[in-house]
């Protein structure tokens, strides 16, 4: 997910959906905005949270000890996944050929493209600004990607 911009209504609906599916990890590609919103996500989600900071996030606001959240200032990665806020950084990461999937945000527009062996994914935005709110789910077992429009669940 990306660009939630403090929209607690959309976050609540999304997190309930993810918990109901038994999702274990969230990758947030930045622009949560307020520390209280990150606290809300932590309280409502049962699994691990990975956050790459966006242009509306301030690391100082998020510095308190967080047990189920890992925060990255530029980009983060685990396994064959990478994530960041900006497409420019996602394209740089794709050039390394280290990752199968790279998630990014910022533009609010859902987008999917292939660069070499790497799939670049913008899940859209949760705040509903410029485009309808959406997020993506990647099933690691089936290696299947789904874009979910929030207004359709």
N, C-alpha and C. Protein backbone atom coordinates (compact mmCIF):
# COMPACT_ATOMS: atom_id res chain seq x y z
N UNK A 1 0.84 -1.17 0.00
CA UNK A 1 0.00 0.00 0.00
C UNK A 1 0.89 1.23 0.00
N UNK A 2 0.28 2.35 -0.34
CA UNK A 2 1.04 3.61 -0.38
C UNK A 2 0.08 4.78 -0.20
N UNK A 3 0.65 5.89 0.17
CA UNK A 3 -0.04 7.17 0.18
C UNK A 3 -1.40 7.12 0.88
N UNK A 4 -1.36 6.74 2.15
CA UNK A 4 -2.60 6.72 2.92
C UNK A 4 -2.97 8.10 3.44
N UNK A 5 -2.00 8.99 3.60
CA UNK A 5 -2.23 10.39 3.95
C UNK A 5 -3.27 10.58 5.06
N UNK A 6 -3.11 9.81 6.13
CA UNK A 6 -3.96 9.95 7.33
C UNK A 6 -5.44 9.65 7.11
N UNK A 7 -5.79 8.94 6.06
CA UNK A 7 -7.20 8.60 5.82
C UNK A 7 -7.53 7.35 6.65
N UNK A 8 -7.95 7.57 7.89
CA UNK A 8 -8.21 6.47 8.82
C UNK A 8 -9.40 5.61 8.40
N UNK A 9 -10.39 6.21 7.75
CA UNK A 9 -11.55 5.44 7.29
C UNK A 9 -11.12 4.39 6.29
N UNK A 10 -10.33 4.78 5.29
CA UNK A 10 -9.86 3.84 4.28
C UNK A 10 -8.86 2.84 4.85
N UNK A 11 -8.02 3.30 5.77
CA UNK A 11 -7.08 2.38 6.42
C UNK A 11 -7.82 1.32 7.23
N UNK A 12 -8.82 1.73 7.97
CA UNK A 12 -9.58 0.77 8.79
C UNK A 12 -10.21 -0.31 7.92
N UNK A 13 -10.81 0.08 6.82
CA UNK A 13 -11.43 -0.88 5.91
C UNK A 13 -10.38 -1.81 5.28
N UNK A 14 -9.25 -1.23 4.86
CA UNK A 14 -8.17 -2.02 4.25
C UNK A 14 -7.58 -3.00 5.24
N UNK A 15 -7.28 -2.54 6.44
CA UNK A 15 -6.65 -3.41 7.45
C UNK A 15 -7.59 -4.54 7.88
N UNK A 16 -8.87 -4.26 7.99
CA UNK A 16 -9.83 -5.31 8.31
C UNK A 16 -9.84 -6.37 7.21
N UNK A 17 -9.80 -5.93 5.97
CA UNK A 17 -9.77 -6.84 4.82
C UNK A 17 -8.51 -7.71 4.85
N UNK A 18 -7.36 -7.07 5.09
CA UNK A 18 -6.08 -7.80 5.12
C UNK A 18 -6.04 -8.80 6.28
N UNK A 19 -6.48 -8.38 7.44
CA UNK A 19 -6.53 -9.29 8.60
C UNK A 19 -7.45 -10.46 8.34
N UNK A 20 -8.59 -10.20 7.71
CA UNK A 20 -9.54 -11.25 7.40
C UNK A 20 -8.95 -12.30 6.44
N UNK A 21 -8.09 -11.85 5.54
CA UNK A 21 -7.42 -12.76 4.60
C UNK A 21 -6.22 -13.48 5.24
N UNK A 22 -5.82 -13.06 6.41
CA UNK A 22 -4.66 -13.66 7.06
C UNK A 22 -3.32 -13.16 6.51
N UNK A 23 -3.33 -11.96 5.95
CA UNK A 23 -2.09 -11.37 5.42
C UNK A 23 -1.11 -11.20 6.56
N UNK A 24 0.15 -11.56 6.33
CA UNK A 24 1.17 -11.56 7.38
C UNK A 24 2.08 -10.32 7.36
N UNK A 25 2.22 -9.68 6.18
CA UNK A 25 3.12 -8.53 6.06
C UNK A 25 2.46 -7.43 5.24
N UNK A 26 2.70 -6.21 5.69
CA UNK A 26 2.32 -5.03 4.92
C UNK A 26 3.59 -4.31 4.51
N UNK A 27 3.64 -3.94 3.25
CA UNK A 27 4.65 -3.00 2.77
C UNK A 27 3.92 -1.69 2.52
N UNK A 28 4.34 -0.63 3.20
CA UNK A 28 3.76 0.69 2.96
C UNK A 28 4.84 1.54 2.30
N UNK A 29 4.53 2.03 1.12
CA UNK A 29 5.51 2.76 0.31
C UNK A 29 5.51 4.26 0.57
N UNK A 30 5.16 4.66 1.77
CA UNK A 30 5.33 6.04 2.18
C UNK A 30 4.09 6.91 2.11
N UNK A 31 4.22 8.04 2.77
CA UNK A 31 3.18 9.04 2.95
C UNK A 31 2.04 8.54 3.82
N UNK A 32 2.43 7.97 4.96
CA UNK A 32 1.46 7.73 6.03
C UNK A 32 1.06 9.08 6.59
N UNK A 33 2.02 9.94 6.83
CA UNK A 33 1.95 11.32 7.31
C UNK A 33 2.13 11.44 8.82
N UNK A 34 1.11 11.26 9.63
CA UNK A 34 1.21 11.47 11.08
C UNK A 34 1.62 10.21 11.82
N UNK A 35 2.37 10.38 12.90
CA UNK A 35 2.76 9.24 13.74
C UNK A 35 1.53 8.54 14.31
N UNK A 36 0.46 9.28 14.59
CA UNK A 36 -0.76 8.68 15.10
C UNK A 36 -1.37 7.70 14.09
N UNK A 37 -1.18 7.98 12.82
CA UNK A 37 -1.69 7.08 11.78
C UNK A 37 -0.89 5.80 11.75
N UNK A 38 0.42 5.89 11.91
CA UNK A 38 1.23 4.67 12.00
C UNK A 38 0.83 3.88 13.25
N UNK A 39 0.59 4.56 14.35
CA UNK A 39 0.12 3.88 15.56
C UNK A 39 -1.20 3.16 15.29
N UNK A 40 -2.09 3.79 14.56
CA UNK A 40 -3.38 3.20 14.21
C UNK A 40 -3.18 1.92 13.40
N UNK A 41 -2.29 1.98 12.41
CA UNK A 41 -2.00 0.79 11.59
C UNK A 41 -1.45 -0.33 12.47
N UNK A 42 -0.54 0.00 13.35
CA UNK A 42 0.05 -1.01 14.24
C UNK A 42 -1.00 -1.64 15.15
N UNK A 43 -1.93 -0.85 15.62
CA UNK A 43 -2.98 -1.38 16.50
C UNK A 43 -3.97 -2.27 15.76
N UNK A 44 -4.23 -1.96 14.49
CA UNK A 44 -5.27 -2.65 13.73
C UNK A 44 -4.75 -3.82 12.88
N UNK A 45 -3.42 -3.93 12.70
CA UNK A 45 -2.88 -4.99 11.85
C UNK A 45 -2.12 -6.00 12.71
N UNK A 46 -2.36 -7.27 12.45
CA UNK A 46 -1.79 -8.34 13.27
C UNK A 46 -0.38 -8.75 12.90
N UNK A 47 0.12 -8.35 11.74
CA UNK A 47 1.41 -8.84 11.26
C UNK A 47 2.53 -7.82 11.29
N UNK A 48 3.54 -8.05 10.45
CA UNK A 48 4.74 -7.21 10.33
C UNK A 48 4.47 -6.08 9.35
N UNK A 49 4.98 -4.90 9.67
CA UNK A 49 4.82 -3.72 8.82
C UNK A 49 6.21 -3.25 8.38
N UNK A 50 6.37 -3.03 7.09
CA UNK A 50 7.58 -2.46 6.52
C UNK A 50 7.19 -1.12 5.91
N UNK A 51 7.88 -0.06 6.30
CA UNK A 51 7.55 1.29 5.83
C UNK A 51 8.78 1.95 5.23
N UNK A 52 8.64 2.41 4.00
CA UNK A 52 9.65 3.28 3.39
C UNK A 52 9.08 4.69 3.43
N UNK A 53 9.82 5.61 4.02
CA UNK A 53 9.29 6.96 4.21
C UNK A 53 9.07 7.68 2.90
N UNK A 54 8.01 8.49 2.85
CA UNK A 54 7.70 9.31 1.69
C UNK A 54 7.95 10.78 1.99
N UNK A 55 7.63 11.63 1.03
CA UNK A 55 7.90 13.06 1.17
C UNK A 55 7.02 13.73 2.23
N UNK A 56 5.93 13.09 2.66
CA UNK A 56 5.08 13.67 3.71
C UNK A 56 5.34 13.05 5.08
N UNK A 57 6.33 12.16 5.17
CA UNK A 57 6.66 11.50 6.43
C UNK A 57 7.93 12.11 7.02
N UNK A 58 7.97 12.20 8.34
CA UNK A 58 9.14 12.74 9.04
C UNK A 58 9.66 11.65 9.97
N UNK A 59 10.88 11.21 9.74
CA UNK A 59 11.47 10.14 10.54
C UNK A 59 11.41 10.45 12.02
N UNK A 60 11.63 11.69 12.40
CA UNK A 60 11.60 12.07 13.82
C UNK A 60 10.25 11.76 14.46
N UNK A 61 9.17 11.89 13.67
CA UNK A 61 7.83 11.61 14.19
C UNK A 61 7.60 10.13 14.46
N UNK A 62 8.35 9.28 13.77
CA UNK A 62 8.13 7.83 13.85
C UNK A 62 9.17 7.11 14.70
N UNK A 63 10.04 7.85 15.40
CA UNK A 63 11.20 7.25 16.06
C UNK A 63 10.92 6.39 17.28
N UNK A 64 9.77 6.49 17.90
CA UNK A 64 9.55 5.70 19.11
C UNK A 64 9.71 4.21 18.81
N UNK A 65 10.00 3.44 19.83
CA UNK A 65 10.21 1.98 19.66
C UNK A 65 8.95 1.33 19.10
N UNK A 66 9.13 0.57 18.06
CA UNK A 66 8.00 -0.09 17.40
C UNK A 66 8.34 -1.56 17.20
N UNK A 67 7.55 -2.44 17.80
CA UNK A 67 7.90 -3.86 17.78
C UNK A 67 7.58 -4.55 16.46
N UNK A 68 6.48 -4.20 15.81
CA UNK A 68 6.11 -4.92 14.59
C UNK A 68 6.32 -4.08 13.33
N UNK A 69 7.15 -3.04 13.42
CA UNK A 69 7.35 -2.14 12.29
C UNK A 69 8.84 -1.89 12.05
N UNK A 70 9.25 -2.01 10.78
CA UNK A 70 10.60 -1.65 10.37
C UNK A 70 10.48 -0.46 9.44
N UNK A 71 11.23 0.60 9.75
CA UNK A 71 11.15 1.85 8.99
C UNK A 71 12.45 2.06 8.23
N UNK A 72 12.31 2.41 6.96
CA UNK A 72 13.45 2.65 6.08
C UNK A 72 13.34 4.06 5.50
N UNK A 73 14.44 4.78 5.48
CA UNK A 73 14.39 6.17 5.03
C UNK A 73 14.41 6.30 3.50
N UNK A 74 15.11 5.45 2.81
CA UNK A 74 15.27 5.57 1.36
C UNK A 74 14.57 4.43 0.62
N UNK A 75 14.90 3.22 1.00
CA UNK A 75 14.23 2.04 0.46
C UNK A 75 14.48 0.89 1.41
N UNK A 76 13.62 -0.10 1.34
CA UNK A 76 13.77 -1.29 2.15
C UNK A 76 13.71 -2.52 1.26
N UNK A 77 14.13 -3.65 1.83
CA UNK A 77 14.06 -4.90 1.07
C UNK A 77 14.04 -6.07 2.04
N UNK A 78 13.49 -7.16 1.57
CA UNK A 78 13.58 -8.46 2.22
C UNK A 78 13.30 -9.49 1.15
N UNK A 79 13.92 -10.64 1.28
CA UNK A 79 13.76 -11.70 0.30
C UNK A 79 14.07 -11.12 -1.09
N UNK A 80 13.18 -11.32 -2.06
CA UNK A 80 13.41 -10.79 -3.41
C UNK A 80 12.55 -9.55 -3.69
N UNK A 81 12.10 -8.87 -2.61
CA UNK A 81 11.26 -7.69 -2.72
C UNK A 81 12.05 -6.44 -2.30
N UNK A 82 11.76 -5.34 -2.97
CA UNK A 82 12.25 -4.03 -2.53
C UNK A 82 11.06 -3.08 -2.55
N UNK A 83 11.18 -1.99 -1.82
CA UNK A 83 10.10 -1.01 -1.77
C UNK A 83 10.66 0.35 -1.44
N UNK A 84 10.04 1.37 -1.99
CA UNK A 84 10.47 2.75 -1.81
C UNK A 84 9.27 3.66 -2.09
N UNK A 85 9.48 4.94 -2.02
CA UNK A 85 8.37 5.86 -2.28
C UNK A 85 8.35 6.33 -3.74
N UNK A 86 9.52 6.56 -4.30
CA UNK A 86 9.59 7.21 -5.60
C UNK A 86 9.88 6.23 -6.74
N UNK A 87 9.26 6.47 -7.87
CA UNK A 87 9.49 5.63 -9.06
C UNK A 87 10.94 5.71 -9.50
N UNK A 88 11.54 6.89 -9.42
CA UNK A 88 12.94 7.04 -9.82
C UNK A 88 13.83 6.06 -9.05
N UNK A 89 13.61 5.94 -7.76
CA UNK A 89 14.38 5.00 -6.94
C UNK A 89 14.05 3.56 -7.33
N UNK A 90 12.77 3.28 -7.60
CA UNK A 90 12.37 1.94 -8.03
C UNK A 90 13.09 1.55 -9.32
N UNK A 91 13.20 2.48 -10.25
CA UNK A 91 13.91 2.21 -11.50
C UNK A 91 15.40 1.95 -11.27
N UNK A 92 16.00 2.71 -10.35
CA UNK A 92 17.41 2.47 -9.99
C UNK A 92 17.59 1.07 -9.42
N UNK A 93 16.69 0.69 -8.52
CA UNK A 93 16.76 -0.64 -7.90
C UNK A 93 16.56 -1.74 -8.94
N UNK A 94 15.69 -1.51 -9.91
CA UNK A 94 15.44 -2.50 -10.96
C UNK A 94 16.69 -2.75 -11.79
N UNK A 95 17.49 -1.72 -11.99
CA UNK A 95 18.73 -1.87 -12.78
C UNK A 95 19.72 -2.83 -12.14
N UNK A 96 19.63 -3.02 -10.83
CA UNK A 96 20.56 -3.92 -10.15
C UNK A 96 20.24 -5.39 -10.41
N UNK A 97 19.03 -5.68 -10.86
CA UNK A 97 18.54 -7.05 -11.09
C UNK A 97 18.55 -7.92 -9.83
N UNK A 98 18.57 -7.30 -8.66
CA UNK A 98 18.57 -8.05 -7.39
C UNK A 98 17.17 -8.47 -6.96
N UNK A 99 16.14 -7.80 -7.48
CA UNK A 99 14.80 -7.98 -6.95
C UNK A 99 13.83 -8.46 -8.03
N UNK A 100 12.92 -9.32 -7.63
CA UNK A 100 11.85 -9.76 -8.54
C UNK A 100 10.72 -8.76 -8.58
N UNK A 101 10.41 -8.17 -7.42
CA UNK A 101 9.32 -7.20 -7.30
C UNK A 101 9.81 -5.95 -6.58
N UNK A 102 9.42 -4.81 -7.10
CA UNK A 102 9.72 -3.54 -6.44
C UNK A 102 8.42 -2.75 -6.37
N UNK A 103 8.03 -2.41 -5.15
CA UNK A 103 6.83 -1.62 -4.91
C UNK A 103 7.23 -0.17 -4.67
N UNK A 104 6.43 0.76 -5.18
CA UNK A 104 6.68 2.18 -4.95
C UNK A 104 5.35 2.92 -4.94
N UNK A 105 5.38 4.18 -4.55
CA UNK A 105 4.16 4.98 -4.45
C UNK A 105 4.32 6.34 -5.09
N UNK A 106 3.91 7.36 -4.39
CA UNK A 106 4.05 8.78 -4.68
C UNK A 106 3.07 9.33 -5.72
N UNK A 107 2.92 8.70 -6.86
CA UNK A 107 2.08 9.27 -7.92
C UNK A 107 0.59 9.07 -7.67
N UNK A 108 0.25 8.16 -6.76
CA UNK A 108 -1.13 7.79 -6.42
C UNK A 108 -1.79 6.94 -7.52
N UNK A 109 -1.13 6.75 -8.64
CA UNK A 109 -1.70 6.02 -9.77
C UNK A 109 -1.27 4.55 -9.75
N UNK A 110 -2.24 3.64 -9.73
CA UNK A 110 -1.87 2.22 -9.83
C UNK A 110 -1.12 1.99 -11.15
N UNK A 111 -0.03 1.26 -11.06
CA UNK A 111 0.78 1.07 -12.26
C UNK A 111 1.57 -0.23 -12.14
N UNK A 112 1.77 -0.87 -13.27
CA UNK A 112 2.52 -2.12 -13.32
C UNK A 112 3.35 -2.10 -14.57
N UNK A 113 4.65 -2.38 -14.42
CA UNK A 113 5.51 -2.49 -15.60
C UNK A 113 6.68 -3.41 -15.31
N UNK A 114 7.23 -3.94 -16.35
CA UNK A 114 8.35 -4.87 -16.24
C UNK A 114 9.60 -4.17 -16.75
N UNK A 115 10.67 -4.28 -15.96
CA UNK A 115 11.98 -3.76 -16.35
C UNK A 115 12.97 -4.91 -16.20
N UNK A 116 13.36 -5.49 -17.31
CA UNK A 116 14.21 -6.68 -17.24
C UNK A 116 13.44 -7.81 -16.59
N UNK A 117 14.03 -8.39 -15.55
CA UNK A 117 13.35 -9.48 -14.83
C UNK A 117 12.48 -8.97 -13.68
N UNK A 118 12.49 -7.66 -13.47
CA UNK A 118 11.84 -7.06 -12.30
C UNK A 118 10.48 -6.49 -12.64
N UNK A 119 9.51 -6.78 -11.79
CA UNK A 119 8.17 -6.22 -11.91
C UNK A 119 8.08 -5.02 -10.97
N UNK A 120 7.79 -3.85 -11.51
CA UNK A 120 7.60 -2.63 -10.72
C UNK A 120 6.10 -2.43 -10.53
N UNK A 121 5.71 -2.19 -9.27
CA UNK A 121 4.30 -2.12 -8.91
C UNK A 121 4.03 -0.87 -8.10
N UNK A 122 3.13 -0.05 -8.57
CA UNK A 122 2.58 1.03 -7.76
C UNK A 122 1.16 0.60 -7.40
N UNK A 123 0.89 0.36 -6.11
CA UNK A 123 -0.43 -0.12 -5.72
C UNK A 123 -1.51 0.96 -5.72
N UNK A 124 -1.15 2.16 -6.12
CA UNK A 124 -2.09 3.27 -6.07
C UNK A 124 -2.02 3.96 -4.72
N UNK A 125 -3.15 4.45 -4.24
CA UNK A 125 -3.16 5.20 -2.99
C UNK A 125 -4.35 4.79 -2.15
N UNK A 126 -4.22 4.95 -0.85
CA UNK A 126 -5.34 4.66 0.05
C UNK A 126 -6.13 5.91 0.41
N UNK A 127 -5.61 7.07 0.10
CA UNK A 127 -6.29 8.29 0.51
C UNK A 127 -7.41 8.70 -0.45
N UNK A 128 -7.38 8.19 -1.68
CA UNK A 128 -8.43 8.55 -2.63
C UNK A 128 -8.23 9.90 -3.29
N UNK A 129 -6.98 10.37 -3.35
CA UNK A 129 -6.67 11.64 -4.00
C UNK A 129 -6.16 11.36 -5.41
N UNK A 130 -6.73 11.99 -6.40
CA UNK A 130 -6.43 11.87 -7.83
C UNK A 130 -6.98 10.60 -8.47
N UNK A 131 -6.92 9.49 -7.76
CA UNK A 131 -7.40 8.20 -8.27
C UNK A 131 -8.20 7.52 -7.16
N UNK A 132 -9.02 6.57 -7.54
CA UNK A 132 -9.79 5.81 -6.55
C UNK A 132 -8.82 5.07 -5.62
N UNK A 133 -9.17 4.93 -4.34
CA UNK A 133 -8.27 4.26 -3.40
C UNK A 133 -8.08 2.79 -3.77
N UNK A 134 -6.81 2.36 -3.69
CA UNK A 134 -6.48 0.98 -4.04
C UNK A 134 -5.23 0.54 -3.30
N UNK A 135 -5.02 -0.76 -3.31
CA UNK A 135 -3.80 -1.37 -2.77
C UNK A 135 -3.58 -2.67 -3.53
N UNK A 136 -2.44 -3.28 -3.34
CA UNK A 136 -2.13 -4.53 -4.04
C UNK A 136 -1.86 -5.63 -3.02
N UNK A 137 -2.17 -6.85 -3.42
CA UNK A 137 -1.83 -8.03 -2.62
C UNK A 137 -1.01 -8.95 -3.50
N UNK A 138 0.13 -9.37 -2.96
CA UNK A 138 0.97 -10.34 -3.66
C UNK A 138 0.96 -11.64 -2.86
N UNK A 139 0.50 -12.71 -3.47
CA UNK A 139 0.48 -14.03 -2.86
C UNK A 139 1.82 -14.70 -3.16
N UNK A 140 2.65 -14.85 -2.14
CA UNK A 140 3.99 -15.39 -2.35
C UNK A 140 3.99 -16.87 -2.72
N UNK A 141 2.97 -17.60 -2.30
CA UNK A 141 2.90 -19.03 -2.65
C UNK A 141 2.49 -19.22 -4.10
N UNK A 142 1.47 -18.50 -4.52
CA UNK A 142 0.97 -18.62 -5.90
C UNK A 142 1.69 -17.69 -6.87
N UNK A 143 2.52 -16.80 -6.33
CA UNK A 143 3.20 -15.76 -7.11
C UNK A 143 2.18 -15.01 -7.98
N UNK A 144 1.16 -14.52 -7.31
CA UNK A 144 0.04 -13.86 -7.97
C UNK A 144 -0.15 -12.46 -7.39
N UNK A 145 -0.30 -11.47 -8.24
CA UNK A 145 -0.50 -10.09 -7.83
C UNK A 145 -1.94 -9.68 -8.13
N UNK A 146 -2.60 -9.05 -7.16
CA UNK A 146 -3.96 -8.54 -7.35
C UNK A 146 -4.01 -7.08 -6.93
N UNK A 147 -4.61 -6.25 -7.77
CA UNK A 147 -4.88 -4.87 -7.41
C UNK A 147 -6.31 -4.82 -6.88
N UNK A 148 -6.47 -4.27 -5.70
CA UNK A 148 -7.76 -4.23 -5.03
C UNK A 148 -8.23 -2.78 -4.97
N UNK A 149 -9.37 -2.48 -5.57
CA UNK A 149 -9.97 -1.16 -5.42
C UNK A 149 -10.82 -1.18 -4.16
N UNK A 150 -10.56 -0.24 -3.29
CA UNK A 150 -11.20 -0.21 -1.99
C UNK A 150 -12.72 -0.07 -2.08
N UNK A 151 -13.20 0.66 -3.06
CA UNK A 151 -14.64 0.86 -3.17
C UNK A 151 -15.37 -0.39 -3.70
N UNK A 152 -14.61 -1.42 -4.07
CA UNK A 152 -15.24 -2.65 -4.58
C UNK A 152 -15.20 -3.80 -3.56
N UNK A 153 -14.69 -3.53 -2.36
CA UNK A 153 -14.68 -4.61 -1.35
C UNK A 153 -15.68 -4.29 -0.25
